[in-house]
Amino acid sequence: WATTERLVEFAQAAGVSETASIRTAIQENQYDDALRATDNAASDSGVDATPTLLIDGTTVNPLGNEERTRQLIEDATGSN
């Protein structure tokens, strides 16, 4: 889904008017190292899906169990 054209469209939708340099950077794989590092950091943190929350050191898929997610947030913020 993340074709060069789609990524350029996202940039335009975000208000970027000069997209030629973005297109070139994507086509020349200039972001590959940064993307790989981000992916590795996410994996190292236990992130294996989107969305994922990290609540007080616990990795949580908020769509899996809303009550558990709510309880973890309340416990972490002291708002029981």
PDB file of N, CA and C in Angstrom:
ATOM      1  N   TRP A   1       0.806  -1.195   0.000  1.00  0.00           N
ATOM      2  CA  TRP A   1       0.000   0.000   0.000  1.00  0.00           C
ATOM      3  C   TRP A   1       0.854   1.266   0.000  1.00  0.00           C
ATOM      4  N   ALA A   2       2.061   1.184   0.520  1.00  0.00           N
ATOM      5  CA  ALA A   2       2.908   2.366   0.667  1.00  0.00           C
ATOM      6  C   ALA A   2       3.742   2.590  -0.587  1.00  0.00           C
ATOM      7  N   THR A   3       3.061   2.861  -1.670  1.00  0.00           N
ATOM      8  CA  THR A   3       3.769   3.161  -2.909  1.00  0.00           C
ATOM      9  C   THR A   3       4.309   4.581  -2.854  1.00  0.00           C
ATOM     10  N   THR A   4       5.243   4.870  -3.716  1.00  0.00           N
ATOM     11  CA  THR A   4       5.782   6.232  -3.782  1.00  0.00           C
ATOM     12  C   THR A   4       4.660   7.230  -3.993  1.00  0.00           C
ATOM     13  N   GLU A   5       3.769   6.922  -4.909  1.00  0.00           N
ATOM     14  CA  GLU A   5       2.682   7.854  -5.224  1.00  0.00           C
ATOM     15  C   GLU A   5       1.781   8.096  -4.016  1.00  0.00           C
ATOM     16  N   ARG A   6       1.452   7.040  -3.278  1.00  0.00           N
ATOM     17  CA  ARG A   6       0.592   7.199  -2.094  1.00  0.00           C
ATOM     18  C   ARG A   6       1.295   8.034  -1.021  1.00  0.00           C
ATOM     19  N   LEU A   7       2.577   7.795  -0.820  1.00  0.00           N
ATOM     20  CA  LEU A   7       3.311   8.559   0.185  1.00  0.00           C
ATOM     21  C   LEU A   7       3.400  10.031  -0.197  1.00  0.00           C
ATOM     22  N   VAL A   8       3.591  10.309  -1.472  1.00  0.00           N
ATOM     23  CA  VAL A   8       3.606  11.699  -1.942  1.00  0.00           C
ATOM     24  C   VAL A   8       2.225  12.322  -1.741  1.00  0.00           C
ATOM     25  N   GLU A   9       1.171  11.568  -1.999  1.00  0.00           N
ATOM     26  CA  GLU A   9      -0.190  12.076  -1.772  1.00  0.00           C
ATOM     27  C   GLU A   9      -0.409  12.408  -0.300  1.00  0.00           C
ATOM     28  N   PHE A  10       0.091  11.558   0.601  1.00  0.00           N
ATOM     29  CA  PHE A  10      -0.024  11.841   2.034  1.00  0.00           C
ATOM     30  C   PHE A  10       0.698  13.138   2.387  1.00  0.00           C
ATOM     31  N   ALA A  11       1.880  13.332   1.816  1.00  0.00           N
ATOM     32  CA  ALA A  11       2.639  14.564   2.066  1.00  0.00           C
ATOM     33  C   ALA A  11       1.860  15.778   1.584  1.00  0.00           C
ATOM     34  N   GLN A  12       1.277  15.678   0.402  1.00  0.00           N
ATOM     35  CA  GLN A  12       0.482  16.784  -0.136  1.00  0.00           C
ATOM     36  C   GLN A  12      -0.728  17.060   0.754  1.00  0.00           C
ATOM     37  N   ALA A  13      -1.391  16.005   1.206  1.00  0.00           N
ATOM     38  CA  ALA A  13      -2.553  16.169   2.078  1.00  0.00           C
ATOM     39  C   ALA A  13      -2.171  16.815   3.407  1.00  0.00           C
ATOM     40  N   ALA A  14      -0.917  16.619   3.819  1.00  0.00           N
ATOM     41  CA  ALA A  14      -0.425  17.219   5.062  1.00  0.00           C
ATOM     42  C   ALA A  14       0.046  18.654   4.858  1.00  0.00           C
ATOM     43  N   GLY A  15      -0.049  19.142   3.612  1.00  0.00           N
ATOM     44  CA  GLY A  15       0.300  20.530   3.341  1.00  0.00           C
ATOM     45  C   GLY A  15       1.675  20.753   2.760  1.00  0.00           C
ATOM     46  N   VAL A  16       2.386  19.691   2.412  1.00  0.00           N
ATOM     47  CA  VAL A  16       3.707  19.836   1.799  1.00  0.00           C
ATOM     48  C   VAL A  16       3.498  20.211   0.341  1.00  0.00           C
ATOM     49  N   SER A  17       4.018  21.352  -0.055  1.00  0.00           N
ATOM     50  CA  SER A  17       3.802  21.805  -1.436  1.00  0.00           C
ATOM     51  C   SER A  17       4.907  21.342  -2.378  1.00  0.00           C
ATOM     52  N   GLU A  18       6.124  21.197  -1.867  1.00  0.00           N
ATOM     53  CA  GLU A  18       7.255  20.796  -2.712  1.00  0.00           C
ATOM     54  C   GLU A  18       7.538  19.322  -2.445  1.00  0.00           C
ATOM     55  N   THR A  19       7.032  18.459  -3.318  1.00  0.00           N
ATOM     56  CA  THR A  19       7.137  17.023  -3.077  1.00  0.00           C
ATOM     57  C   THR A  19       8.178  16.325  -3.947  1.00  0.00           C
ATOM     58  N   ALA A  20       8.824  17.047  -4.832  1.00  0.00           N
ATOM     59  CA  ALA A  20       9.810  16.413  -5.718  1.00  0.00           C
ATOM     60  C   ALA A  20      10.946  15.781  -4.916  1.00  0.00           C
ATOM     61  N   SER A  21      11.415  16.477  -3.888  1.00  0.00           N
ATOM     62  CA  SER A  21      12.518  15.926  -3.093  1.00  0.00           C
ATOM     63  C   SER A  21      12.066  14.709  -2.288  1.00  0.00           C
ATOM     64  N   ILE A  22      10.816  14.710  -1.855  1.00  0.00           N
ATOM     65  CA  ILE A  22      10.281  13.552  -1.140  1.00  0.00           C
ATOM     66  C   ILE A  22      10.208  12.355  -2.076  1.00  0.00           C
ATOM     67  N   ARG A  23       9.692  12.586  -3.266  1.00  0.00           N
ATOM     68  CA  ARG A  23       9.588  11.519  -4.264  1.00  0.00           C
ATOM     69  C   ARG A  23      10.976  10.925  -4.545  1.00  0.00           C
ATOM     70  N   THR A  24      11.965  11.790  -4.740  1.00  0.00           N
ATOM     71  CA  THR A  24      13.328  11.334  -5.028  1.00  0.00           C
ATOM     72  C   THR A  24      13.896  10.534  -3.862  1.00  0.00           C
ATOM     73  N   ALA A  25      13.708  11.035  -2.651  1.00  0.00           N
ATOM     74  CA  ALA A  25      14.231  10.345  -1.467  1.00  0.00           C
ATOM     75  C   ALA A  25      13.628   8.952  -1.329  1.00  0.00           C
ATOM     76  N   ILE A  26      12.343   8.835  -1.592  1.00  0.00           N
ATOM     77  CA  ILE A  26      11.683   7.529  -1.510  1.00  0.00           C
ATOM     78  C   ILE A  26      12.227   6.606  -2.588  1.00  0.00           C
ATOM     79  N   GLN A  27      12.306   7.101  -3.785  1.00  0.00           N
ATOM     80  CA  GLN A  27      12.762   6.271  -4.905  1.00  0.00           C
ATOM     81  C   GLN A  27      14.214   5.829  -4.744  1.00  0.00           C
ATOM     82  N   GLU A  28      15.016   6.645  -4.067  1.00  0.00           N
ATOM     83  CA  GLU A  28      16.427   6.308  -3.852  1.00  0.00           C
ATOM     84  C   GLU A  28      16.659   5.608  -2.508  1.00  0.00           C
ATOM     85  N   ASN A  29      15.567   5.220  -1.856  1.00  0.00           N
ATOM     86  CA  ASN A  29      15.631   4.472  -0.590  1.00  0.00           C
ATOM     87  C   ASN A  29      16.383   5.205   0.517  1.00  0.00           C
ATOM     88  N   GLN A  30      16.301   6.531   0.529  1.00  0.00           N
ATOM     89  CA  GLN A  30      17.026   7.311   1.522  1.00  0.00           C
ATOM     90  C   GLN A  30      16.467   7.134   2.934  1.00  0.00           C
ATOM     91  N   TYR A  31      15.246   6.640   3.052  1.00  0.00           N
ATOM     92  CA  TYR A  31      14.628   6.470   4.365  1.00  0.00           C
ATOM     93  C   TYR A  31      14.749   5.047   4.898  1.00  0.00           C
ATOM     94  N   ASP A  32      15.338   4.154   4.134  1.00  0.00           N
ATOM     95  CA  ASP A  32      15.384   2.741   4.525  1.00  0.00           C
ATOM     96  C   ASP A  32      16.029   2.513   5.889  1.00  0.00           C
ATOM     97  N   ASP A  33      17.170   3.132   6.158  1.00  0.00           N
ATOM     98  CA  ASP A  33      17.850   2.923   7.441  1.00  0.00           C
ATOM     99  C   ASP A  33      16.994   3.416   8.604  1.00  0.00           C
ATOM    100  N   ALA A  34      16.369   4.579   8.446  1.00  0.00           N
ATOM    101  CA  ALA A  34      15.519   5.125   9.507  1.00  0.00           C
ATOM    102  C   ALA A  34      14.294   4.242   9.727  1.00  0.00           C
ATOM    103  N   LEU A  35      13.699   3.766   8.647  1.00  0.00           N
ATOM    104  CA  LEU A  35      12.540   2.881   8.775  1.00  0.00           C
ATOM    105  C   LEU A  35      12.919   1.568   9.447  1.00  0.00           C
ATOM    106  N   ARG A  36      14.041   1.013   9.072  1.00  0.00           N
ATOM    107  CA  ARG A  36      14.506  -0.239   9.667  1.00  0.00           C
ATOM    108  C   ARG A  36      14.788  -0.043  11.162  1.00  0.00           C
ATOM    109  N   ALA A  37      15.412   1.067  11.516  1.00  0.00           N
ATOM    110  CA  ALA A  37      15.707   1.343  12.924  1.00  0.00           C
ATOM    111  C   ALA A  37      14.416   1.505  13.732  1.00  0.00           C
ATOM    112  N   THR A  38      13.437   2.190  13.160  1.00  0.00           N
ATOM    113  CA  THR A  38      12.151   2.367  13.833  1.00  0.00           C
ATOM    114  C   THR A  38      11.448   1.028  14.013  1.00  0.00           C
ATOM    115  N   ASP A  39      11.459   0.214  12.969  1.00  0.00           N
ATOM    116  CA  ASP A  39      10.842  -1.110  13.035  1.00  0.00           C
ATOM    117  C   ASP A  39      11.516  -1.970  14.101  1.00  0.00           C
ATOM    118  N   ASN A  40      12.840  -1.937  14.148  1.00  0.00           N
ATOM    119  CA  ASN A  40      13.580  -2.710  15.154  1.00  0.00           C
ATOM    120  C   ASN A  40      13.283  -2.223  16.567  1.00  0.00           C
ATOM    121  N   ALA A  41      13.220  -0.910  16.746  1.00  0.00           N
ATOM    122  CA  ALA A  41      12.927  -0.354  18.071  1.00  0.00           C
ATOM    123  C   ALA A  41      11.525  -0.756  18.522  1.00  0.00           C
ATOM    124  N   ALA A  42      10.575  -0.724  17.603  1.00  0.00           N
ATOM    125  CA  ALA A  42       9.211  -1.141  17.937  1.00  0.00           C
ATOM    126  C   ALA A  42       9.185  -2.616  18.320  1.00  0.00           C
ATOM    127  N   SER A  43       9.836  -3.439  17.536  1.00  0.00           N
ATOM    128  CA  SER A  43       9.882  -4.880  17.831  1.00  0.00           C
ATOM    129  C   SER A  43      10.546  -5.144  19.176  1.00  0.00           C
ATOM    130  N   ASP A  44      11.639  -4.441  19.449  1.00  0.00           N
ATOM    131  CA  ASP A  44      12.351  -4.608  20.717  1.00  0.00           C
ATOM    132  C   ASP A  44      11.482  -4.208  21.913  1.00  0.00           C
ATOM    133  N   SER A  45      10.514  -3.316  21.676  1.00  0.00           N
ATOM    134  CA  SER A  45       9.616  -2.860  22.740  1.00  0.00           C
ATOM    135  C   SER A  45       8.374  -3.735  22.864  1.00  0.00           C
ATOM    136  N   GLY A  46       8.277  -4.755  22.016  1.00  0.00           N
ATOM    137  CA  GLY A  46       7.127  -5.653  22.083  1.00  0.00           C
ATOM    138  C   GLY A  46       5.965  -5.246  21.206  1.00  0.00           C
ATOM    139  N   VAL A  47       6.161  -4.247  20.374  1.00  0.00           N
ATOM    140  CA  VAL A  47       5.098  -3.807  19.471  1.00  0.00           C
ATOM    141  C   VAL A  47       5.042  -4.767  18.298  1.00  0.00           C
ATOM    142  N   ASP A  48       3.877  -5.390  18.122  1.00  0.00           N
ATOM    143  CA  ASP A  48       3.715  -6.311  17.005  1.00  0.00           C
ATOM    144  C   ASP A  48       2.444  -6.041  16.208  1.00  0.00           C
ATOM    145  N   ALA A  49       1.756  -4.952  16.548  1.00  0.00           N
ATOM    146  CA  ALA A  49       0.526  -4.603  15.834  1.00  0.00           C
ATOM    147  C   ALA A  49       0.252  -3.119  16.018  1.00  0.00           C
ATOM    148  N   THR A  50      -0.619  -2.615  15.179  1.00  0.00           N
ATOM    149  CA  THR A  50      -1.081  -1.234  15.298  1.00  0.00           C
ATOM    150  C   THR A  50      -2.587  -1.267  15.487  1.00  0.00           C
ATOM    151  N   PRO A  51      -3.108  -0.619  16.496  1.00  0.00           N
ATOM    152  CA  PRO A  51      -2.400   0.196  17.481  1.00  0.00           C
ATOM    153  C   PRO A  51      -1.815  -0.659  18.605  1.00  0.00           C
ATOM    154  N   THR A  52      -0.797  -0.129  19.234  1.00  0.00           N
ATOM    155  CA  THR A  52      -0.214  -0.713  20.440  1.00  0.00           C
ATOM    156  C   THR A  52       0.095   0.429  21.397  1.00  0.00           C
ATOM    157  N   LEU A  53      -0.208   0.223  22.648  1.00  0.00           N
ATOM    158  CA  LEU A  53       0.111   1.204  23.685  1.00  0.00           C
ATOM    159  C   LEU A  53       1.159   0.609  24.613  1.00  0.00           C
ATOM    160  N   LEU A  54       2.010   1.447  25.130  1.00  0.00           N
ATOM    161  CA  LEU A  54       2.962   1.051  26.161  1.00  0.00           C
ATOM    162  C   LEU A  54       2.566   1.824  27.415  1.00  0.00           C
ATOM    163  N   ILE A  55       1.975   1.107  28.359  1.00  0.00           N
ATOM    164  CA  ILE A  55       1.436   1.739  29.558  1.00  0.00           C
ATOM    165  C   ILE A  55       2.245   1.283  30.758  1.00  0.00           C
ATOM    166  N   ASP A  56       3.025   2.191  31.290  1.00  0.00           N
ATOM    167  CA  ASP A  56       3.820   1.912  32.492  1.00  0.00           C
ATOM    168  C   ASP A  56       4.622   0.624  32.342  1.00  0.00           C
ATOM    169  N   GLY A  57       5.226   0.454  31.154  1.00  0.00           N
ATOM    170  CA  GLY A  57       6.076  -0.699  30.898  1.00  0.00           C
ATOM    171  C   GLY A  57       5.362  -1.929  30.370  1.00  0.00           C
ATOM    172  N   THR A  58       4.047  -1.868  30.240  1.00  0.00           N
ATOM    173  CA  THR A  58       3.269  -3.001  29.740  1.00  0.00           C
ATOM    174  C   THR A  58       2.797  -2.710  28.326  1.00  0.00           C
ATOM    175  N   THR A  59       3.077  -3.630  27.398  1.00  0.00           N
ATOM    176  CA  THR A  59       2.635  -3.488  26.017  1.00  0.00           C
ATOM    177  C   THR A  59       1.205  -3.996  25.915  1.00  0.00           C
ATOM    178  N   VAL A  60       0.322  -3.158  25.336  1.00  0.00           N
ATOM    179  CA  VAL A  60      -1.103  -3.474  25.304  1.00  0.00           C
ATOM    180  C   VAL A  60      -1.672  -3.211  23.917  1.00  0.00           C
ATOM    181  N   ASN A  61      -2.451  -4.160  23.414  1.00  0.00           N
ATOM    182  CA  ASN A  61      -3.269  -3.916  22.229  1.00  0.00           C
ATOM    183  C   ASN A  61      -4.609  -3.413  22.757  1.00  0.00           C
ATOM    184  N   PRO A  62      -4.915  -2.114  22.588  1.00  0.00           N
ATOM    185  CA  PRO A  62      -6.125  -1.555  23.185  1.00  0.00           C
ATOM    186  C   PRO A  62      -7.411  -2.128  22.598  1.00  0.00           C
ATOM    187  N   LEU A  63      -7.322  -2.764  21.451  1.00  0.00           N
ATOM    188  CA  LEU A  63      -8.509  -3.349  20.841  1.00  0.00           C
ATOM    189  C   LEU A  63      -8.791  -4.742  21.383  1.00  0.00           C
ATOM    190  N   GLY A  64      -7.819  -5.328  22.062  1.00  0.00           N
ATOM    191  CA  GLY A  64      -7.966  -6.690  22.555  1.00  0.00           C
ATOM    192  C   GLY A  64      -8.853  -6.798  23.784  1.00  0.00           C
ATOM    193  N   ASN A  65      -8.722  -5.851  24.703  1.00  0.00           N
ATOM    194  CA  ASN A  65      -9.485  -5.899  25.936  1.00  0.00           C
ATOM    195  C   ASN A  65      -9.572  -4.480  26.487  1.00  0.00           C
ATOM    196  N   GLU A  66     -10.674  -3.819  26.187  1.00  0.00           N
ATOM    197  CA  GLU A  66     -10.812  -2.409  26.572  1.00  0.00           C
ATOM    198  C   GLU A  66     -10.791  -2.222  28.081  1.00  0.00           C
ATOM    199  N   GLU A  67     -11.405  -3.132  28.822  1.00  0.00           N
ATOM    200  CA  GLU A  67     -11.438  -2.997  30.276  1.00  0.00           C
ATOM    201  C   GLU A  67     -10.034  -3.105  30.868  1.00  0.00           C
ATOM    202  N   ARG A  68      -9.232  -4.052  30.375  1.00  0.00           N
ATOM    203  CA  ARG A  68      -7.844  -4.191  30.845  1.00  0.00           C
ATOM    204  C   ARG A  68      -7.050  -2.932  30.522  1.00  0.00           C
ATOM    205  N   THR A  69      -7.236  -2.403  29.321  1.00  0.00           N
ATOM    206  CA  THR A  69      -6.538  -1.181  28.916  1.00  0.00           C
ATOM    207  C   THR A  69      -6.919  -0.034  29.837  1.00  0.00           C
ATOM    208  N   ARG A  70      -8.205   0.115  30.088  1.00  0.00           N
ATOM    209  CA  ARG A  70      -8.686   1.183  30.972  1.00  0.00           C
ATOM    210  C   ARG A  70      -8.074   1.030  32.367  1.00  0.00           C
ATOM    211  N   GLN A  71      -8.054  -0.197  32.884  1.00  0.00           N
ATOM    212  CA  GLN A  71      -7.516  -0.438  34.221  1.00  0.00           C
ATOM    213  C   GLN A  71      -6.024  -0.113  34.290  1.00  0.00           C
ATOM    214  N   LEU A  72      -5.268  -0.502  33.264  1.00  0.00           N
ATOM    215  CA  LEU A  72      -3.835  -0.197  33.234  1.00  0.00           C
ATOM    216  C   LEU A  72      -3.594   1.311  33.207  1.00  0.00           C
ATOM    217  N   ILE A  73      -4.394   2.032  32.434  1.00  0.00           N
ATOM    218  CA  ILE A  73      -4.257   3.496  32.377  1.00  0.00           C
ATOM    219  C   ILE A  73      -4.586   4.106  33.731  1.00  0.00           C
ATOM    220  N   GLU A  74      -5.679   3.657  34.336  1.00  0.00           N
ATOM    221  CA  GLU A  74      -6.060   4.183  35.651  1.00  0.00           C
ATOM    222  C   GLU A  74      -4.988   3.880  36.698  1.00  0.00           C
ATOM    223  N   ASP A  75      -4.454   2.669  36.666  1.00  0.00           N
ATOM    224  CA  ASP A  75      -3.394   2.314  37.617  1.00  0.00           C
ATOM    225  C   ASP A  75      -2.143   3.162  37.404  1.00  0.00           C
ATOM    226  N   ALA A  76      -1.789   3.396  36.148  1.00  0.00           N
ATOM    227  CA  ALA A  76      -0.577   4.160  35.831  1.00  0.00           C
ATOM    228  C   ALA A  76      -0.714   5.633  36.188  1.00  0.00           C
ATOM    229  N   THR A  77      -1.939   6.156  36.099  1.00  0.00           N
ATOM    230  CA  THR A  77      -2.145   7.582  36.359  1.00  0.00           C
ATOM    231  C   THR A  77      -2.685   7.854  37.755  1.00  0.00           C
ATOM    232  N   GLY A  78      -2.996   6.786  38.485  1.00  0.00           N
ATOM    233  CA  GLY A  78      -3.531   6.965  39.828  1.00  0.00           C
ATOM    234  C   GLY A  78      -4.931   7.520  39.842  1.00  0.00           C
ATOM    235  N   SER A  79      -5.693   7.268  38.790  1.00  0.00           N
ATOM    236  CA  SER A  79      -7.043   7.841  38.700  1.00  0.00           C
ATOM    237  C   SER A  79      -8.124   6.784  38.904  1.00  0.00           C
ATOM    238  N   ASN A  80      -7.898   5.858  39.835  1.00  0.00           N
ATOM    239  CA  ASN A  80      -8.892   4.796  40.076  1.00  0.00           C
ATOM    240  C   ASN A  80     -10.108   5.398  40.691  1.00  0.00           C
TER     241      ASN A  80
END
